[in-house]
Amino acid sequence: MVSMESLMDVAGPLGLLVLALVDATSMGTLVIPVILLVVGEGGARRVASRTLLYLAVIGLFYLLLGIALLAGLLPLLASFGHLLALPQVMLVLAVLGVLLVIWSFRLDPKSVAKRGGDPEASTRTWTRRARRASGHPWLLVGLALAAGLIEAASMIPYLAAMGIIADMGAGLGRGVLILVAYCAVMLVPAAVLCVLRRLLGRRGDAFLDRVHDWAVKNASSAFSWAVGIIGAIIVLNTIGPALQWLTGG
């Protein structure tokens, strides 16, 4: 949402792809689906189908949320977008970017562990929830909605993507199509794993276990990196006008 012009200049469509891939490694879009594929009971076809149901629900949730955000953001940009070029606003954005970079270091799993925290506590909680929901379609729907709602509170990459789409001048109609593509990219890795489960059956257990371990270890790291990169982009593209205004240059 912040520094729309800067984000667009640096990232643009490629930035959207990178952010979508970061979102594809989150708890809701990768870790939980892998858990469902590993702990699900019944044949491979049934497990894969129910995991795809989960993915469809969380994908639709993200899409509708994105449309709502975009519909509210476009009129705001039309009315107040010129304010983003003010040096005072640039200074605020630069400070916000620095804070995001600092926060990214605190989000790193190693930093969490050093402070006495447990970076995998959330994963264990979601694993228990996924086990309970794996055999019941309606519980899977609830699990997907719960994951989407909880992750919405920390969806920095997704918010940055909304800013890029809004600043592309695509309008709401084309913006929705871009959102559909963005959400599809988010779901592709987990959907591919569902296909592999369907084709390989239990022969794919060892591979899925390795994917699960990788996803658990890297979900938090990927988010912390995304926050840091977005913060750095904001700083690099606002610090010049901000310093010029502060020094009277």
Protein backbone atom coordinates (compact mmCIF):
# COMPACT_ATOMS: atom_id res chain seq x y z
CA MET A 1 0.00 0.00 0.00
CA VAL A 2 2.90 2.29 0.74
CA SER A 3 5.11 4.07 -1.82
CA MET A 4 3.02 2.94 -4.75
CA GLU A 5 5.09 4.72 -7.42
CA SER A 6 8.36 3.45 -5.98
CA LEU A 7 7.14 -0.12 -5.81
CA MET A 8 5.91 0.04 -9.36
CA ASP A 9 9.14 1.54 -10.73
CA VAL A 10 11.32 -1.09 -9.08
CA ALA A 11 9.10 -4.14 -9.21
CA GLY A 12 6.14 -3.93 -11.59
CA PRO A 13 4.88 -7.23 -13.02
CA LEU A 14 8.09 -9.03 -12.02
CA GLY A 15 7.57 -7.79 -8.47
CA LEU A 16 4.06 -9.23 -8.51
CA LEU A 17 5.45 -12.60 -9.55
CA VAL A 18 8.06 -12.55 -6.78
CA LEU A 19 5.50 -11.52 -4.15
CA ALA A 20 3.08 -14.22 -5.34
CA LEU A 21 5.82 -16.84 -4.99
CA VAL A 22 6.59 -15.58 -1.48
CA ASP A 23 2.90 -15.85 -0.61
CA ALA A 24 2.97 -19.37 -2.08
CA THR A 25 5.30 -20.47 0.74
CA SER A 26 3.12 -19.23 3.60
CA MET A 27 1.49 -21.32 6.28
CA GLY A 28 -1.93 -21.19 4.63
CA THR A 29 -0.88 -21.82 1.04
CA LEU A 30 1.88 -24.42 1.43
CA VAL A 31 2.52 -25.73 4.94
CA ILE A 32 -1.09 -26.63 5.77
CA PRO A 33 -1.75 -28.25 2.35
CA VAL A 34 1.38 -30.39 2.76
CA ILE A 35 0.21 -31.39 6.26
CA LEU A 36 -3.16 -32.39 4.80
CA LEU A 37 -1.46 -34.46 2.12
CA VAL A 38 0.70 -36.23 4.72
CA VAL A 39 -1.86 -36.89 7.49
CA GLY A 40 -5.00 -37.33 5.37
CA GLU A 41 -6.73 -40.69 5.63
CA GLY A 42 -8.14 -42.69 2.76
CA GLY A 43 -6.89 -43.25 -0.75
CA ALA A 44 -4.56 -40.89 -2.59
CA ARG A 45 -7.40 -39.58 -4.75
CA ARG A 46 -9.53 -38.70 -1.73
CA VAL A 47 -6.65 -37.01 0.12
CA ALA A 48 -5.64 -35.01 -2.95
CA SER A 49 -9.24 -33.97 -3.69
CA ARG A 50 -9.85 -32.72 -0.16
CA THR A 51 -6.60 -30.81 -0.15
CA LEU A 52 -7.63 -29.20 -3.43
CA LEU A 53 -10.92 -28.23 -1.77
CA TYR A 54 -8.94 -26.49 0.96
CA LEU A 55 -6.82 -24.69 -1.67
CA ALA A 56 -9.89 -23.59 -3.62
CA VAL A 57 -11.47 -22.05 -0.51
CA ILE A 58 -8.36 -20.19 0.67
CA GLY A 59 -7.67 -19.05 -2.90
CA LEU A 60 -11.20 -17.67 -3.23
CA PHE A 61 -10.84 -15.97 0.16
CA TYR A 62 -7.64 -14.21 -0.92
CA LEU A 63 -9.18 -13.24 -4.25
CA LEU A 64 -12.30 -11.68 -2.71
CA LEU A 65 -10.22 -9.91 -0.09
CA GLY A 66 -7.92 -8.56 -2.79
CA ILE A 67 -10.86 -7.32 -4.87
CA ALA A 68 -12.27 -5.51 -1.84
CA LEU A 69 -8.89 -3.91 -1.09
CA LEU A 70 -8.38 -2.90 -4.70
CA ALA A 71 -11.89 -1.45 -4.99
CA GLY A 72 -11.19 0.74 -1.96
CA LEU A 73 -7.65 1.65 -2.99
CA LEU A 74 -8.31 2.85 -6.54
CA PRO A 75 -10.61 5.76 -5.53
CA LEU A 76 -8.16 6.75 -2.79
CA LEU A 77 -5.31 6.91 -5.29
CA ALA A 78 -7.40 8.98 -7.68
CA SER A 79 -8.19 11.50 -4.94
CA PHE A 80 -5.04 11.57 -2.84
CA GLY A 81 -2.32 9.92 -4.95
CA HIS A 82 -0.61 13.28 -5.54
CA LEU A 83 0.09 13.52 -1.81
CA LEU A 84 2.54 10.62 -2.05
CA ALA A 85 4.97 12.94 -3.88
CA LEU A 86 5.12 15.43 -0.99
CA PRO A 87 8.52 15.40 0.80
CA GLN A 88 6.83 15.21 4.21
CA VAL A 89 5.02 12.05 3.11
CA MET A 90 8.28 10.71 1.68
CA LEU A 91 9.90 11.17 5.10
CA VAL A 92 7.10 9.23 6.81
CA LEU A 93 7.40 6.46 4.23
CA ALA A 94 11.18 6.33 4.65
CA VAL A 95 10.78 5.91 8.42
CA LEU A 96 8.17 3.23 7.83
CA GLY A 97 10.57 1.43 5.47
CA VAL A 98 13.32 1.47 8.11
CA LEU A 99 10.89 0.07 10.68
CA LEU A 100 9.93 -2.73 8.29
CA VAL A 101 13.60 -3.65 7.82
CA ILE A 102 14.14 -3.71 11.60
CA TRP A 103 10.98 -5.78 12.05
CA SER A 104 12.16 -8.26 9.43
CA PHE A 105 15.21 -9.10 11.56
CA ARG A 106 12.97 -9.71 14.58
CA LEU A 107 10.76 -11.99 12.48
CA ASP A 108 13.69 -14.21 11.52
CA PRO A 109 13.32 -17.66 13.13
CA LYS A 110 16.85 -17.52 14.56
CA SER A 111 16.08 -14.19 16.21
CA VAL A 112 12.83 -15.57 17.60
CA ALA A 113 14.68 -18.57 19.03
CA LYS A 114 17.35 -16.35 20.63
CA ARG A 115 14.63 -14.41 22.43
CA GLY A 116 13.35 -17.67 23.89
CA GLY A 117 10.49 -18.03 21.46
CA ASP A 118 9.50 -21.09 19.47
CA PRO A 119 9.42 -20.29 15.73
CA GLU A 120 7.66 -23.60 14.99
CA ALA A 121 4.93 -23.30 17.64
CA SER A 122 2.44 -21.99 15.12
CA THR A 123 3.19 -24.88 12.80
CA ARG A 124 2.45 -27.46 15.48
CA THR A 125 -0.85 -25.75 16.27
CA TRP A 126 -1.87 -25.78 12.60
CA THR A 127 -0.77 -29.41 12.31
CA ARG A 128 -3.22 -30.39 15.06
CA ARG A 129 -5.99 -28.41 13.39
CA ALA A 130 -5.23 -29.97 10.01
CA ARG A 131 -5.33 -33.49 11.48
CA ARG A 132 -8.78 -32.84 12.95
CA ALA A 133 -10.10 -31.33 9.71
CA SER A 134 -8.50 -33.68 7.18
CA GLY A 135 -11.36 -36.18 7.04
CA HIS A 136 -14.27 -33.71 7.02
CA PRO A 137 -14.92 -31.40 4.03
CA TRP A 138 -16.78 -28.76 6.02
CA LEU A 139 -14.01 -28.65 8.61
CA LEU A 140 -11.55 -28.16 5.75
CA VAL A 141 -13.59 -25.17 4.57
CA GLY A 142 -13.46 -23.76 8.10
CA LEU A 143 -9.73 -24.45 8.31
CA ALA A 144 -9.10 -22.56 5.06
CA LEU A 145 -11.17 -19.57 6.18
CA ALA A 146 -9.46 -19.53 9.59
CA ALA A 147 -6.01 -19.66 7.98
CA GLY A 148 -6.95 -16.84 5.61
CA LEU A 149 -8.33 -14.62 8.36
CA ILE A 150 -5.33 -15.12 10.65
CA GLU A 151 -2.78 -14.61 7.88
CA ALA A 152 -4.62 -11.47 6.72
CA ALA A 153 -3.26 -9.72 9.81
CA SER A 154 0.33 -10.11 8.55
CA MET A 155 -0.08 -10.11 4.78
CA ILE A 156 2.63 -7.54 3.97
CA PRO A 157 3.52 -9.10 0.58
CA TYR A 158 -0.14 -9.22 -0.46
CA LEU A 159 -0.70 -5.58 0.54
CA ALA A 160 2.40 -4.58 -1.41
CA ALA A 161 1.00 -6.46 -4.41
CA MET A 162 -2.25 -4.52 -4.11
CA GLY A 163 -0.24 -1.30 -4.22
CA ILE A 164 1.59 -2.39 -7.38
CA ILE A 165 -1.64 -3.43 -9.13
CA ALA A 166 -3.38 -0.18 -8.19
CA ASP A 167 -0.48 1.92 -9.48
CA MET A 168 -0.36 0.05 -12.79
CA GLY A 169 -3.45 2.01 -13.80
CA ALA A 170 -5.21 -1.18 -14.82
CA GLY A 171 -8.62 -0.25 -13.43
CA LEU A 172 -10.79 -2.55 -11.38
CA GLY A 173 -11.72 -4.94 -14.22
CA ARG A 174 -8.17 -5.63 -15.39
CA GLY A 175 -6.98 -5.46 -11.81
CA VAL A 176 -9.28 -8.35 -10.92
CA LEU A 177 -7.81 -10.43 -13.75
CA ILE A 178 -4.31 -9.70 -12.45
CA LEU A 179 -5.47 -10.73 -8.98
CA VAL A 180 -6.80 -14.01 -10.36
CA ALA A 181 -3.40 -14.71 -11.89
CA TYR A 182 -1.64 -13.70 -8.66
CA CYS A 183 -3.77 -16.04 -6.55
CA ALA A 184 -3.28 -18.84 -9.07
CA VAL A 185 0.51 -18.51 -8.77
CA MET A 186 0.11 -18.59 -4.99
CA LEU A 187 -1.64 -21.96 -5.21
CA VAL A 188 0.42 -23.63 -7.97
CA PRO A 189 3.11 -25.25 -5.75
CA ALA A 190 0.57 -26.87 -3.41
CA ALA A 191 -1.66 -27.88 -6.35
CA VAL A 192 1.30 -29.60 -8.04
CA LEU A 193 1.92 -31.53 -4.80
CA CYS A 194 -1.73 -32.62 -4.85
CA VAL A 195 -1.28 -33.98 -8.37
CA LEU A 196 1.85 -35.84 -7.27
CA ARG A 197 -0.03 -37.34 -4.32
CA ARG A 198 -2.75 -38.48 -6.69
CA LEU A 199 -0.26 -40.04 -9.11
CA LEU A 200 2.24 -41.53 -6.66
CA GLY A 201 -0.01 -42.45 -3.74
CA ARG A 202 1.87 -43.41 -0.61
CA ARG A 203 5.03 -43.81 -2.66
CA GLY A 204 5.32 -40.04 -2.45
CA ASP A 205 5.36 -39.96 1.37
CA ALA A 206 9.13 -39.55 1.69
CA PHE A 207 9.14 -36.68 -0.80
CA LEU A 208 6.19 -34.95 0.89
CA ASP A 209 7.86 -35.33 4.27
CA ARG A 210 10.92 -33.51 2.92
CA VAL A 211 8.73 -30.78 1.40
CA HIS A 212 6.93 -30.43 4.73
CA ASP A 213 10.19 -30.05 6.64
CA TRP A 214 11.45 -27.48 4.12
CA ALA A 215 8.18 -25.51 4.21
CA VAL A 216 8.11 -25.41 8.01
CA LYS A 217 11.70 -24.17 8.19
CA ASN A 218 11.36 -21.59 5.43
CA ALA A 219 7.82 -20.18 5.79
CA SER A 220 8.83 -17.75 8.54
CA SER A 221 12.15 -16.95 6.86
CA ALA A 222 10.45 -16.20 3.53
CA PHE A 223 8.06 -13.78 5.23
CA SER A 224 10.86 -12.01 7.12
CA TRP A 225 12.85 -11.65 3.87
CA ALA A 226 9.79 -10.25 2.07
CA VAL A 227 9.19 -7.68 4.81
CA GLY A 228 12.85 -6.65 4.71
CA ILE A 229 12.97 -6.35 0.92
CA ILE A 230 9.78 -4.27 0.80
CA GLY A 231 11.14 -2.03 3.56
CA ALA A 232 14.44 -1.58 1.71
CA ILE A 233 12.65 -0.68 -1.54
CA ILE A 234 10.58 1.92 0.26
CA VAL A 235 13.68 3.43 1.91
CA LEU A 236 15.72 3.54 -1.31
CA ASN A 237 12.93 5.29 -3.18
CA THR A 238 11.97 7.84 -0.53
CA ILE A 239 15.16 8.66 1.36
CA GLY A 240 16.45 11.07 -1.32
CA PRO A 241 13.47 13.48 -1.37
CA ALA A 242 13.10 13.11 2.42
CA LEU A 243 16.73 14.08 3.11
CA GLN A 244 16.57 16.89 0.59
CA TRP A 245 13.55 18.34 2.38
CA LEU A 246 15.15 17.91 5.83
CA THR A 247 18.37 19.63 4.78
CA GLY A 248 16.59 22.35 2.83
CA GLY A 249 18.35 21.30 -0.38
